Amino acid sequence: MRLRLPALRLPTRQTMLWAAVSLGLAAVIVLFFPFRYRIEFDADEGVNAIKAMMVLRGYRLYADIWSDQPPLFTYLLAGWFRVFGLRAVVGRGLVLLFSTALVSLGASYLRRFWGGLAAVCALGTFLLLPFFPRLSVSMMIGLPAISLAFASFYALARWHEGHRLPWLLISALLLGLSILTKGFTFILAPIWFLGIILSVRGREAREKPGAKAWTGPALWLGLLVLIGVTAAVGLVGVGNLDQLVDVHLQAGQTEAFEVSSTHPPLGYYLSESMTLFLLAAAGAWTAVRRRSWTALYLAAWIVVGYVLLAVNNPAWYHHQLLLTVPATVLASIAVATSIRDLAGIRNRPSTPLGVVGNLACVGLFLAFLSVRVPGTLDGLDVRLPNFRGPSPGEEAERELLGVMGNHVAETHWLYTDRPMFAFLTQLPVPPNLAVITSKRLLTGRLTEEEVLRTLEEYKPEMILNARFSLPAVQEYMRTRNYARIDSTMKYRLYFRPTPP
């Protein structure tokens, strides 16, 4: 069997124009969203940054550096830092590329299958999603994983057009890379595979192509399994797989992560997007009526994704993107279809129920805009240019960095539970303490005994307590003459020079 690759063609002027619009949305974030001088949007940023920095310095992920997340983003970020330098804005630029690709692919899918109006609706809606600008420039793994997953969906949709095998293999490759970025996109594998099987069965019933028709599904599944096995053996190590699984399972059974004012339920983060999900349901119904079956992948994505997040504890603000991204595409289908139907009502007769439905879709979209536009604008800094310098609110953090910078030359090792400060000062941390998270502590994956043993081994000259007050750290410092060297209210920075 000869494998014919998709023909390479130069992009048309129209394609280049749409790409420019997607880049324009990225430019809006670059120019108006204040991220260049932000020290940290989320503690996970520091975790991802320090893992990449320590990998660059020769330490092995999982063997030396504890991690409960798949490896791809860490290695990709480390390579990115190697080329462009160890700076936070560099890492955030990498995530912005993933965000731009997601918006561009969403618009491309809609333009190809549903027309330009649907693509226009999606372009604006993506930017209005809760936390989307922030997550587009945060060194966190959720958005890159979702971007790769959507790219896999786009390739799968292209395969449905003509059943060309290369598109199917590209889809499997991209989905595998997505799962290796953040594991929650594994839920898409059975959805994709079921859709492929149903499509092949339908084609077999119509055209009777024989057993050869099943080559594609077999290769798709085989490639996905091969990626998983290769990563498990080569990148993670069979003996380290428990790091990726156990802590998440245990967290769901930990009392500290139960729903509370500290850990609100998933619905809290989805509340501003409820109109979007109603529109997504209308979009799925439109796809069924028009027999455009590829859009139903997105509907299944939302349903299965919601079930996963609903049973997962705790829920975080960045989880909602797993649902709102496919919902945006489906909602854009509903809104664009309704606008076209209402615009052409004089030429095409419509039932009263149809008119009411179309008006309801437009009304829901306007309601979504009324909720999200003010909040999104509040998060932007419209005073050009957005390069003016640090914004207020992080004075304590900047004071802390300044004090730490005065002692960098005298520091061989830094212990901290806020690793972004280690990254920004480029001070190494004991590898097995590079990642100190509430999940790791509360599930017992990191014990006080291990912390104390590590401190005694590495003898860090500088200690920064920011998030957790661990008794083991206090015990270690008690008889070793550490002096506090900062004057902030939020942090506790201690230093002890190395004896001559």
Protein backbone atom coordinates (compact mmCIF):
# COMPACT_ATOMS: atom_id res chain seq x y z
CA MET A 1 0.00 0.00 0.00
CA ARG A 2 1.46 3.34 -1.07
CA LEU A 3 1.11 6.18 1.40
CA ARG A 4 0.35 9.40 -0.42
CA LEU A 5 1.08 12.52 1.56
CA PRO A 6 -1.30 15.48 1.29
CA ALA A 7 -0.29 17.75 -1.57
CA LEU A 8 1.57 20.86 -0.49
CA ARG A 9 0.05 24.03 -1.84
CA LEU A 10 0.93 27.64 -1.36
CA PRO A 11 -1.59 29.40 0.88
CA THR A 12 -4.17 31.47 -0.91
CA ARG A 13 -4.62 35.17 -0.28
CA GLN A 14 -7.79 34.42 1.67
CA THR A 15 -5.99 31.89 3.87
CA MET A 16 -3.23 34.40 4.57
CA LEU A 17 -5.82 37.01 5.48
CA TRP A 18 -7.46 34.70 8.02
CA ALA A 19 -4.05 33.82 9.45
CA ALA A 20 -3.34 37.53 9.82
CA VAL A 21 -6.58 37.96 11.79
CA SER A 22 -5.54 35.17 14.18
CA LEU A 23 -2.14 36.80 14.60
CA GLY A 24 -3.94 40.06 15.23
CA LEU A 25 -5.70 38.53 18.23
CA ALA A 26 -2.31 37.40 19.54
CA ALA A 27 -1.09 40.96 19.03
CA VAL A 28 -3.98 42.23 21.16
CA ILE A 29 -2.74 40.05 24.03
CA VAL A 30 0.88 41.10 23.51
CA LEU A 31 0.04 44.80 23.40
CA PHE A 32 -2.77 45.11 25.90
CA PHE A 33 -2.56 42.25 28.39
CA PRO A 34 -0.01 43.08 31.13
CA PHE A 35 2.18 40.00 31.31
CA ARG A 36 5.70 41.03 30.34
CA TYR A 37 6.73 42.13 33.83
CA ARG A 38 4.37 39.95 35.85
CA ILE A 39 6.36 37.77 38.22
CA GLU A 40 3.86 34.94 38.43
CA PHE A 41 0.25 34.35 37.39
CA ASP A 42 -0.01 30.99 39.13
CA ALA A 43 2.22 28.81 41.30
CA ASP A 44 2.15 26.21 38.50
CA GLU A 45 4.13 28.65 36.36
CA GLY A 46 7.04 28.42 38.76
CA VAL A 47 6.75 24.63 38.92
CA ASN A 48 6.94 24.29 35.14
CA ALA A 49 9.74 26.84 34.84
CA ILE A 50 11.94 25.26 37.52
CA LYS A 51 11.49 21.76 36.08
CA ALA A 52 12.66 23.00 32.68
CA MET A 53 15.60 24.88 34.20
CA MET A 54 16.75 21.87 36.20
CA VAL A 55 16.44 19.62 33.13
CA LEU A 56 18.65 22.09 31.27
CA ARG A 57 21.21 21.68 34.03
CA GLY A 58 21.36 17.95 33.55
CA TYR A 59 18.89 16.60 36.11
CA ARG A 60 16.52 13.86 35.03
CA LEU A 61 12.79 14.35 35.09
CA TYR A 62 11.04 11.76 37.31
CA ALA A 63 14.32 10.13 38.39
CA ASP A 64 15.80 13.26 40.04
CA ILE A 65 12.92 15.74 39.72
CA TRP A 66 9.54 14.65 41.04
CA SER A 67 6.67 15.42 38.66
CA ASP A 68 3.02 14.42 38.52
CA GLN A 69 2.53 15.65 34.95
CA PRO A 70 3.50 14.18 31.57
CA PRO A 71 6.93 15.15 30.22
CA LEU A 72 6.42 16.81 26.85
CA PHE A 73 5.91 20.42 27.93
CA THR A 74 8.89 20.32 30.30
CA TYR A 75 11.24 19.11 27.55
CA LEU A 76 9.76 21.49 25.01
CA LEU A 77 10.10 24.41 27.43
CA ALA A 78 13.68 23.42 28.27
CA GLY A 79 14.59 23.40 24.58
CA TRP A 80 12.85 26.74 24.10
CA PHE A 81 14.84 28.22 27.00
CA ARG A 82 18.07 26.81 25.56
CA VAL A 83 17.49 28.73 22.34
CA PHE A 84 15.97 31.97 23.63
CA GLY A 85 17.21 32.25 27.21
CA LEU A 86 15.95 31.56 30.73
CA ARG A 87 13.34 34.29 31.09
CA ALA A 88 9.71 34.10 32.10
CA VAL A 89 8.53 36.14 29.13
CA VAL A 90 10.24 33.65 26.81
CA GLY A 91 8.30 30.74 28.28
CA ARG A 92 5.08 32.71 28.12
CA GLY A 93 5.76 33.43 24.47
CA LEU A 94 5.85 29.69 23.79
CA VAL A 95 2.39 29.25 25.32
CA LEU A 96 1.13 32.22 23.30
CA LEU A 97 2.16 30.36 20.14
CA PHE A 98 -0.01 27.43 21.20
CA SER A 99 -2.88 29.82 21.91
CA THR A 100 -2.53 31.45 18.49
CA ALA A 101 -2.49 28.05 16.81
CA LEU A 102 -5.66 27.06 18.67
CA VAL A 103 -7.53 30.17 17.57
CA SER A 104 -6.28 29.80 14.00
CA LEU A 105 -7.28 26.12 13.76
CA GLY A 106 -10.67 26.83 15.28
CA ALA A 107 -11.32 29.50 12.67
CA SER A 108 -9.95 27.25 9.90
CA TYR A 109 -12.25 24.39 10.82
CA LEU A 110 -15.30 26.63 10.94
CA ARG A 111 -14.44 28.43 7.72
CA ARG A 112 -13.93 25.14 5.88
CA PHE A 113 -17.02 23.34 7.14
CA TRP A 114 -19.41 26.12 8.21
CA GLY A 115 -18.42 29.32 6.43
CA GLY A 116 -16.62 32.55 7.18
CA LEU A 117 -19.30 34.00 9.47
CA ALA A 118 -18.90 31.12 11.93
CA ALA A 119 -15.14 31.67 11.90
CA VAL A 120 -15.61 35.37 12.67
CA CYS A 121 -17.84 34.53 15.63
CA ALA A 122 -15.24 32.14 17.01
CA LEU A 123 -12.33 34.56 16.65
CA GLY A 124 -13.94 37.07 18.97
CA THR A 125 -15.38 34.51 21.35
CA PHE A 126 -12.05 32.81 22.06
CA LEU A 127 -10.60 36.05 23.39
CA LEU A 128 -13.66 36.53 25.64
CA LEU A 129 -13.46 33.13 27.32
CA PRO A 130 -12.86 33.34 31.08
CA PHE A 131 -9.12 33.46 31.79
CA PHE A 132 -8.24 32.92 28.11
CA PRO A 133 -5.85 35.92 27.81
CA ARG A 134 -4.20 35.00 31.10
CA LEU A 135 -3.83 31.33 30.23
CA SER A 136 -2.49 32.30 26.80
CA VAL A 137 0.59 33.78 28.48
CA SER A 138 0.98 31.52 31.52
CA MET A 139 3.63 28.80 31.59
CA MET A 140 1.01 26.14 32.26
CA ILE A 141 0.28 22.93 30.44
CA GLY A 142 -3.50 22.98 30.00
CA LEU A 143 -3.78 25.30 27.02
CA PRO A 144 -0.91 23.67 25.04
CA ALA A 145 -2.51 20.26 25.59
CA ILE A 146 -5.91 21.52 24.45
CA SER A 147 -4.33 23.20 21.41
CA LEU A 148 -2.71 19.92 20.36
CA ALA A 149 -5.98 18.08 20.99
CA PHE A 150 -7.88 20.52 18.79
CA ALA A 151 -5.22 20.17 16.09
CA SER A 152 -5.85 16.41 16.28
CA PHE A 153 -9.57 17.04 15.84
CA TYR A 154 -8.91 19.29 12.84
CA ALA A 155 -6.81 16.57 11.16
CA LEU A 156 -9.55 14.04 11.92
CA ALA A 157 -12.16 16.30 10.33
CA ARG A 158 -9.97 16.56 7.23
CA TRP A 159 -9.73 12.77 7.12
CA HIS A 160 -13.52 12.51 7.10
CA GLU A 161 -13.59 14.57 3.89
CA GLY A 162 -11.80 12.01 1.76
CA HIS A 163 -10.52 9.24 4.06
CA ARG A 164 -6.91 10.03 3.22
CA LEU A 165 -4.71 8.03 5.56
CA PRO A 166 -2.06 10.71 6.28
CA TRP A 167 -4.64 12.93 7.97
CA LEU A 168 -5.63 10.04 10.22
CA LEU A 169 -2.02 9.42 11.23
CA ILE A 170 -1.46 13.13 11.86
CA SER A 171 -4.52 13.07 14.11
CA ALA A 172 -3.15 10.16 16.14
CA LEU A 173 0.27 11.80 16.44
CA LEU A 174 -1.17 15.11 17.64
CA LEU A 175 -3.49 13.45 20.14
CA GLY A 176 -0.58 11.45 21.50
CA LEU A 177 1.45 14.62 21.92
CA SER A 178 -1.51 16.28 23.65
CA ILE A 179 -1.80 13.45 26.18
CA LEU A 180 1.97 13.67 26.77
CA THR A 181 1.44 17.34 27.61
CA LYS A 182 -1.44 16.95 30.07
CA GLY A 183 -3.15 13.67 30.70
CA PHE A 184 -6.73 14.94 30.83
CA THR A 185 -7.03 14.85 27.03
CA PHE A 186 -6.84 11.04 27.12
CA ILE A 187 -10.65 11.17 27.29
CA LEU A 188 -10.66 12.10 23.60
CA ALA A 189 -9.00 8.87 22.44
CA PRO A 190 -12.11 6.65 22.76
CA ILE A 191 -14.29 9.41 21.26
CA TRP A 192 -12.02 9.79 18.24
CA PHE A 193 -11.68 6.01 17.80
CA LEU A 194 -15.43 5.41 18.01
CA GLY A 195 -16.03 8.10 15.39
CA ILE A 196 -13.42 6.54 13.10
CA ILE A 197 -14.98 3.09 13.48
CA LEU A 198 -18.48 4.37 12.73
CA SER A 199 -17.23 6.27 9.68
CA VAL A 200 -15.44 3.21 8.29
CA ARG A 201 -18.48 1.01 8.88
CA GLY A 202 -20.70 3.50 7.10
CA ARG A 203 -18.30 3.69 4.18
CA GLU A 204 -18.02 -0.10 4.05
CA ALA A 205 -21.81 -0.41 3.89
CA ARG A 206 -21.94 2.06 0.99
CA GLU A 207 -18.84 1.20 -1.03
CA LYS A 208 -17.81 -2.28 0.22
CA PRO A 209 -14.06 -1.51 0.10
CA GLY A 210 -13.21 -4.71 2.02
CA ALA A 211 -10.74 -5.35 4.81
CA LYS A 212 -8.40 -2.64 3.53
CA ALA A 213 -10.80 -0.04 4.89
CA TRP A 214 -9.85 -1.06 8.43
CA THR A 215 -6.16 -0.36 7.88
CA GLY A 216 -6.65 3.27 8.88
CA PRO A 217 -8.28 2.62 12.27
CA ALA A 218 -5.69 -0.05 13.06
CA LEU A 219 -2.81 2.29 12.22
CA TRP A 220 -4.41 5.16 14.15
CA LEU A 221 -4.75 3.05 17.30
CA GLY A 222 -1.34 1.45 16.82
CA LEU A 223 0.40 4.82 16.48
CA LEU A 224 -1.33 6.21 19.56
CA VAL A 225 -0.35 3.14 21.60
CA LEU A 226 3.20 3.31 20.26
CA ILE A 227 3.52 6.95 21.37
CA GLY A 228 2.24 6.05 24.83
CA VAL A 229 4.53 3.04 25.27
CA THR A 230 7.56 4.92 23.96
CA ALA A 231 6.92 7.79 26.37
CA ALA A 232 6.27 5.46 29.32
CA VAL A 233 9.49 3.53 28.75
CA GLY A 234 11.80 6.18 27.28
CA LEU A 235 10.73 9.49 28.82
CA VAL A 236 9.09 8.59 32.11
CA GLY A 237 10.38 5.16 33.02
CA VAL A 238 8.14 2.28 34.03
CA GLY A 239 9.20 2.60 37.66
CA ASN A 240 8.17 6.27 37.74
CA LEU A 241 4.68 5.93 36.27
CA ASP A 242 3.16 6.05 39.74
CA GLN A 243 4.13 9.73 39.94
CA LEU A 244 1.68 10.45 37.10
CA VAL A 245 -1.22 8.51 38.55
CA ASP A 246 -1.17 7.96 42.31
CA VAL A 247 -1.12 11.56 43.49
CA HIS A 248 -4.16 12.49 41.37
CA LEU A 249 -6.14 9.47 42.55
CA GLN A 250 -5.25 10.16 46.17
CA ALA A 251 -6.07 13.86 45.87
CA GLY A 252 -9.65 13.02 44.95
CA GLN A 253 -9.99 11.14 48.25
CA THR A 254 -8.24 13.74 50.39
CA GLU A 255 -10.45 15.72 52.73
CA ALA A 256 -8.41 18.89 52.19
CA PHE A 257 -9.44 18.94 48.51
CA GLU A 258 -13.18 18.52 49.06
CA VAL A 259 -15.48 21.27 47.82
CA SER A 260 -15.25 24.30 50.09
CA SER A 261 -14.74 28.05 49.98
CA THR A 262 -11.07 27.35 49.29
CA HIS A 263 -11.83 24.80 46.57
CA PRO A 264 -15.10 25.81 44.88
CA PRO A 265 -16.96 23.34 42.65
CA LEU A 266 -16.52 23.15 38.90
CA GLY A 267 -19.78 25.02 38.34
CA TYR A 268 -18.28 28.08 39.99
CA TYR A 269 -15.73 28.38 37.18
CA LEU A 270 -18.30 27.60 34.47
CA SER A 271 -20.97 30.04 35.63
CA GLU A 272 -20.02 32.86 33.24
CA SER A 273 -20.03 30.44 30.29
CA MET A 274 -23.50 28.92 30.73
CA THR A 275 -24.95 30.82 27.77
CA LEU A 276 -22.03 29.52 25.71
CA PHE A 277 -22.91 25.92 26.58
CA LEU A 278 -26.55 26.51 25.64
CA LEU A 279 -25.35 27.79 22.28
CA ALA A 280 -23.05 24.78 21.98
CA ALA A 281 -26.08 22.49 22.40
CA ALA A 282 -27.83 24.44 19.64
CA GLY A 283 -24.73 24.07 17.48
CA ALA A 284 -24.69 20.31 18.02
CA TRP A 285 -28.37 20.12 17.04
CA THR A 286 -27.60 22.14 13.91
CA ALA A 287 -24.84 19.66 13.04
CA VAL A 288 -27.27 16.75 13.41
CA ARG A 289 -29.89 18.45 11.22
CA ARG A 290 -27.32 19.16 8.51
CA ARG A 291 -25.61 15.78 8.91
CA SER A 292 -22.25 17.43 9.51
CA TRP A 293 -21.04 14.69 11.79
CA THR A 294 -17.54 15.98 12.58
CA ALA A 295 -19.00 18.65 14.86
CA LEU A 296 -20.39 15.89 17.08
CA TYR A 297 -16.84 15.04 18.13
CA LEU A 298 -16.85 18.39 19.91
CA ALA A 299 -20.21 17.71 21.55
CA ALA A 300 -18.93 14.39 22.90
CA TRP A 301 -15.72 16.17 24.00
CA ILE A 302 -17.79 18.54 26.17
CA VAL A 303 -19.95 15.82 27.71
CA VAL A 304 -17.12 13.42 28.56
CA GLY A 305 -14.88 16.29 29.66
CA TYR A 306 -17.53 17.54 32.05
CA VAL A 307 -17.92 14.10 33.59
CA LEU A 308 -14.15 13.87 34.09
CA LEU A 309 -13.88 17.29 35.72
CA ALA A 310 -17.01 16.80 37.83
CA VAL A 311 -15.58 13.70 39.51
CA ASN A 312 -12.09 15.17 39.80
CA ASN A 313 -11.05 16.97 42.99
CA PRO A 314 -10.09 19.71 43.26
CA ALA A 315 -11.41 21.81 40.38
CA TRP A 316 -9.17 24.68 39.25
CA TYR A 317 -9.92 27.75 37.16
CA HIS A 318 -7.80 26.53 34.27
CA HIS A 319 -9.77 23.26 33.97
CA GLN A 320 -12.77 25.06 32.46
CA LEU A 321 -10.83 25.63 29.22
CA LEU A 322 -11.18 21.90 28.46
CA LEU A 323 -14.91 22.54 28.05
CA THR A 324 -15.15 26.13 26.83
CA VAL A 325 -12.83 25.64 23.83
CA PRO A 326 -15.01 23.02 22.04
CA ALA A 327 -18.10 24.90 23.25
CA THR A 328 -16.84 28.04 21.50
CA VAL A 329 -16.65 26.25 18.15
CA LEU A 330 -20.10 24.69 18.49
CA ALA A 331 -21.60 27.96 19.70
CA SER A 332 -20.15 29.77 16.69
CA ILE A 333 -21.92 27.27 14.42
CA ALA A 334 -25.25 28.03 16.10
CA VAL A 335 -24.82 31.81 16.05
CA ALA A 336 -23.64 31.99 12.44
CA THR A 337 -26.41 29.68 11.24
CA SER A 338 -29.04 31.72 13.08
CA ILE A 339 -27.77 35.02 11.67
CA ARG A 340 -27.77 33.63 8.13
CA ASP A 341 -31.26 32.19 8.54
CA LEU A 342 -32.63 35.46 9.90
CA ALA A 343 -30.91 37.48 7.17
CA GLY A 344 -32.38 35.28 4.46
CA ILE A 345 -35.85 34.93 5.90
CA ARG A 346 -37.43 36.88 3.01
CA ASN A 347 -36.04 34.46 0.45
CA ARG A 348 -36.49 31.25 2.43
CA PRO A 349 -39.70 30.48 4.31
CA SER A 350 -39.22 29.60 7.95
CA THR A 351 -41.53 28.25 10.62
CA PRO A 352 -42.39 30.44 13.64
CA LEU A 353 -40.54 27.95 15.83
CA GLY A 354 -37.45 28.26 13.66
CA VAL A 355 -37.53 32.05 13.85
CA VAL A 356 -37.88 31.92 17.63
CA GLY A 357 -34.97 29.49 17.86
CA ASN A 358 -32.77 31.69 15.71
CA LEU A 359 -33.65 34.79 17.71
CA ALA A 360 -32.93 32.88 20.93
CA CYS A 361 -29.46 31.93 19.68
CA VAL A 362 -28.64 35.53 18.77
CA GLY A 363 -30.03 36.70 22.11
CA LEU A 364 -27.92 34.17 24.03
CA PHE A 365 -24.83 35.31 22.16
CA LEU A 366 -25.55 38.93 23.03
CA ALA A 367 -26.05 37.90 26.65
CA PHE A 368 -22.65 36.17 26.61
CA LEU A 369 -21.06 39.31 25.17
CA SER A 370 -22.70 41.51 27.79
CA VAL A 371 -21.21 39.37 30.56
CA ARG A 372 -17.75 38.77 29.15
CA VAL A 373 -16.81 41.95 27.26
CA PRO A 374 -16.64 44.20 30.38
CA GLY A 375 -14.63 41.64 32.34
CA THR A 376 -12.22 41.05 29.47
CA LEU A 377 -11.69 44.78 28.92
CA ASP A 378 -11.02 45.24 32.64
CA GLY A 379 -8.15 42.77 32.34
CA LEU A 380 -6.52 44.68 29.50
CA ASP A 381 -4.27 47.72 29.76
CA VAL A 382 -5.25 49.90 26.82
CA ARG A 383 -2.51 52.44 27.49
CA LEU A 384 -0.02 51.71 24.72
CA PRO A 385 2.59 50.51 24.77
CA ASN A 386 2.34 47.63 27.21
CA PHE A 387 6.10 47.73 27.82
CA ARG A 388 6.16 50.49 30.40
CA GLY A 389 7.43 48.36 33.27
CA PRO A 390 6.22 46.57 36.38
CA SER A 391 2.60 46.98 37.33
CA PRO A 392 1.58 47.66 40.94
CA GLY A 393 0.66 44.81 43.24
CA GLU A 394 3.92 42.87 43.29
CA GLU A 395 6.10 45.24 45.29
CA ALA A 396 6.85 42.61 47.93
CA GLU A 397 7.92 40.11 45.27
CA ARG A 398 10.22 42.63 43.62
CA GLU A 399 11.77 43.58 46.92
CA LEU A 400 12.36 39.90 47.59
CA LEU A 401 14.02 39.35 44.20
CA GLY A 402 16.27 42.33 44.84
CA VAL A 403 17.42 40.96 48.20
CA MET A 404 17.96 37.50 46.72
CA GLY A 405 19.98 39.01 43.88
CA ASN A 406 22.40 40.52 46.41
CA HIS A 407 23.37 37.01 47.58
CA VAL A 408 23.28 35.01 44.35
CA ALA A 409 27.06 34.82 44.10
CA GLU A 410 27.27 33.34 47.61
CA THR A 411 24.49 30.80 47.10
CA HIS A 412 25.07 27.29 45.77
CA TRP A 413 21.62 25.92 46.64
CA LEU A 414 18.26 27.51 47.36
CA TYR A 415 15.36 25.83 49.10
CA THR A 416 11.96 27.34 48.32
CA ASP A 417 8.33 26.34 48.07
CA ARG A 418 7.79 29.11 45.49
CA PRO A 419 10.05 27.95 42.63
CA MET A 420 9.44 30.96 40.39
CA PHE A 421 11.87 32.89 42.59
CA ALA A 422 14.51 30.23 42.01
CA PHE A 423 13.90 30.44 38.28
CA LEU A 424 14.05 34.23 38.14
CA THR A 425 17.32 34.31 40.10
CA GLN A 426 18.53 31.15 38.26
CA LEU A 427 19.52 29.54 41.56
CA PRO A 428 19.43 25.74 41.61
CA VAL A 429 17.19 23.93 44.06
CA PRO A 430 17.57 20.39 45.43
CA PRO A 431 16.13 18.38 42.52
CA ASN A 432 13.69 16.25 44.50
CA LEU A 433 12.37 19.43 46.19
CA ALA A 434 12.01 21.40 42.97
CA VAL A 435 8.29 20.55 42.94
CA ILE A 436 6.54 21.16 46.26
CA THR A 437 2.79 21.31 45.73
CA SER A 438 -0.21 21.01 48.02
CA LYS A 439 -1.14 17.76 46.26
CA ARG A 440 2.28 16.25 46.88
CA LEU A 441 2.28 17.25 50.54
CA LEU A 442 -1.32 16.41 51.42
CA THR A 443 -1.22 13.01 49.72
CA GLY A 444 1.98 12.06 51.50
CA ARG A 445 4.10 11.92 48.37
CA LEU A 446 6.51 14.27 50.13
CA THR A 447 7.18 13.72 53.83
CA GLU A 448 8.78 15.91 56.46
CA GLU A 449 11.49 13.28 56.86
CA GLU A 450 12.41 13.50 53.18
CA VAL A 451 12.50 17.30 53.31
CA LEU A 452 14.79 17.29 56.35
CA ARG A 453 17.04 14.61 54.87
CA THR A 454 17.37 16.58 51.64
CA LEU A 455 18.19 19.83 53.44
CA GLU A 456 20.88 18.09 55.43
CA GLU A 457 22.35 16.67 52.22
CA TYR A 458 22.37 19.85 50.11
CA LYS A 459 22.87 22.43 52.90
CA PRO A 460 21.22 25.36 51.07
CA GLU A 461 22.62 28.78 51.92
CA MET A 462 19.28 30.47 51.20
CA ILE A 463 15.81 29.40 52.32
CA LEU A 464 12.58 31.05 51.16
CA ASN A 465 9.34 30.11 52.89
CA ALA A 466 6.39 31.42 50.90
CA ARG A 467 3.51 28.95 50.69
CA PHE A 468 3.97 26.20 53.26
CA SER A 469 5.38 26.41 56.77
CA LEU A 470 6.95 22.98 57.00
CA PRO A 471 8.15 21.98 60.48
CA ALA A 472 11.08 20.12 58.91
CA VAL A 473 12.40 23.36 57.43
CA GLN A 474 12.07 25.17 60.76
CA GLU A 475 13.80 22.30 62.51
CA TYR A 476 16.65 22.40 60.02
CA MET A 477 17.21 26.15 60.48
CA ARG A 478 16.82 26.15 64.25
CA THR A 479 20.45 25.41 65.16
CA ARG A 480 22.17 26.64 62.02
CA ASN A 481 22.23 30.41 62.48
CA TYR A 482 20.11 31.45 59.52
CA ALA A 483 19.28 35.16 59.53
CA ARG A 484 16.20 36.66 58.00
CA ILE A 485 17.23 39.15 55.31
CA ASP A 486 13.92 40.48 53.92
CA SER A 487 11.36 42.84 55.40
CA THR A 488 8.23 41.75 53.52
CA MET A 489 4.95 40.78 55.17
CA LYS A 490 4.20 37.90 52.81
CA TYR A 491 7.47 35.98 52.77
CA ARG A 492 10.30 34.76 54.97
CA LEU A 493 13.77 34.79 53.38
CA TYR A 494 16.73 33.42 55.32
CA PHE A 495 20.44 33.32 54.50
CA ARG A 496 23.49 31.67 55.98
CA PRO A 497 26.87 32.25 54.31
CA THR A 498 28.94 29.21 53.51
CA PRO A 499 31.66 28.79 56.16
CA PRO A 500 35.13 29.56 54.75
